[in-house]
Protein backbone atom coordinates (compact mmCIF):
# COMPACT_ATOMS: atom_id res chain seq x y z
CA MET A 1 63.68 -68.21 -116.30
CA ARG A 2 67.11 -67.64 -114.79
CA LYS A 3 66.69 -63.86 -114.90
CA LEU A 4 63.28 -64.10 -113.22
CA LEU A 5 64.78 -66.24 -110.43
CA LEU A 6 67.60 -63.74 -109.95
CA ILE A 7 65.13 -60.86 -109.71
CA TYR A 8 63.04 -62.83 -107.19
CA MET A 9 66.11 -63.55 -105.04
CA LEU A 10 67.41 -59.98 -105.09
CA GLN A 11 64.05 -58.38 -104.26
CA PRO A 12 64.47 -58.58 -100.43
CA ILE A 13 67.94 -57.05 -100.69
CA HIS A 14 66.58 -54.10 -102.68
CA ARG A 15 63.84 -53.61 -100.09
CA LEU A 16 66.42 -53.48 -97.30
CA ARG A 17 68.51 -50.93 -99.17
CA ARG A 18 65.51 -48.63 -99.55
CA ASP A 19 64.45 -48.92 -95.89
CA ASP A 20 65.51 -45.76 -94.01
CA GLN A 21 63.80 -46.37 -90.66
CA GLY A 22 66.92 -47.69 -88.96
CA ALA A 23 69.00 -44.75 -90.16
CA ALA A 24 66.76 -42.25 -88.38
CA LEU A 25 67.00 -44.25 -85.17
CA VAL A 26 70.79 -44.25 -85.35
CA GLU A 27 70.84 -40.50 -85.96
CA TYR A 28 68.62 -39.89 -82.92
CA GLY A 29 70.87 -42.14 -80.83
CA ILE A 30 73.96 -40.19 -81.84
CA LEU A 31 72.17 -36.92 -81.11
CA VAL A 32 71.12 -38.08 -77.63
CA GLY A 33 74.66 -39.28 -76.94
CA LEU A 34 76.17 -35.93 -77.91
CA ILE A 35 73.66 -34.06 -75.76
CA ALA A 36 74.51 -36.31 -72.80
CA VAL A 37 78.24 -35.68 -73.24
CA LEU A 38 77.66 -31.92 -73.40
CA CYS A 39 75.51 -32.02 -70.25
CA VAL A 40 78.15 -33.96 -68.32
CA ALA A 41 80.86 -31.55 -69.44
CA ALA A 42 78.76 -28.51 -68.51
CA VAL A 43 77.89 -29.87 -65.07
CA SER A 44 81.54 -30.72 -64.46
CA VAL A 45 82.73 -27.21 -65.36
CA ILE A 46 79.94 -25.47 -63.47
CA GLY A 47 80.44 -27.73 -60.44
CA THR A 48 84.14 -26.87 -60.26
CA LYS A 49 83.46 -23.15 -60.55
CA LEU A 50 80.71 -23.30 -57.92
CA SER A 51 82.98 -25.20 -55.55
CA THR A 52 85.69 -22.57 -55.98
CA ALA A 53 83.19 -19.74 -55.42
CA PHE A 54 81.75 -21.34 -52.26
CA SER A 55 85.24 -22.00 -50.90
CA PHE A 56 86.15 -18.34 -51.45
CA ILE A 57 82.95 -17.17 -49.75
CA ALA A 58 83.45 -19.54 -46.81
CA SER A 59 87.02 -18.41 -46.28
CA SER A 60 85.93 -14.74 -46.43
CA LEU A 61 83.34 -15.12 -43.69
CA THR A 62 84.46 -14.47 -40.13
CA PRO A 63 82.92 -16.55 -37.35
CA GLY A 64 80.42 -14.55 -35.35
CA ILE A 65 81.51 -15.35 -31.82
């Protein structure tokens, strides 16, 4: 009787340990976070290089008076 009660009480815990749905959601969240960080870094680097290029071009132009 005691063993049957123990098995009945531990059944929900075993079901939770086998459930992998939450793990996939966490993995997707981490993946989206990493992609967002990479996008911000890329935009930052490209923005700085574009600003430098436009400044060089603007300083090279002579006013057409």
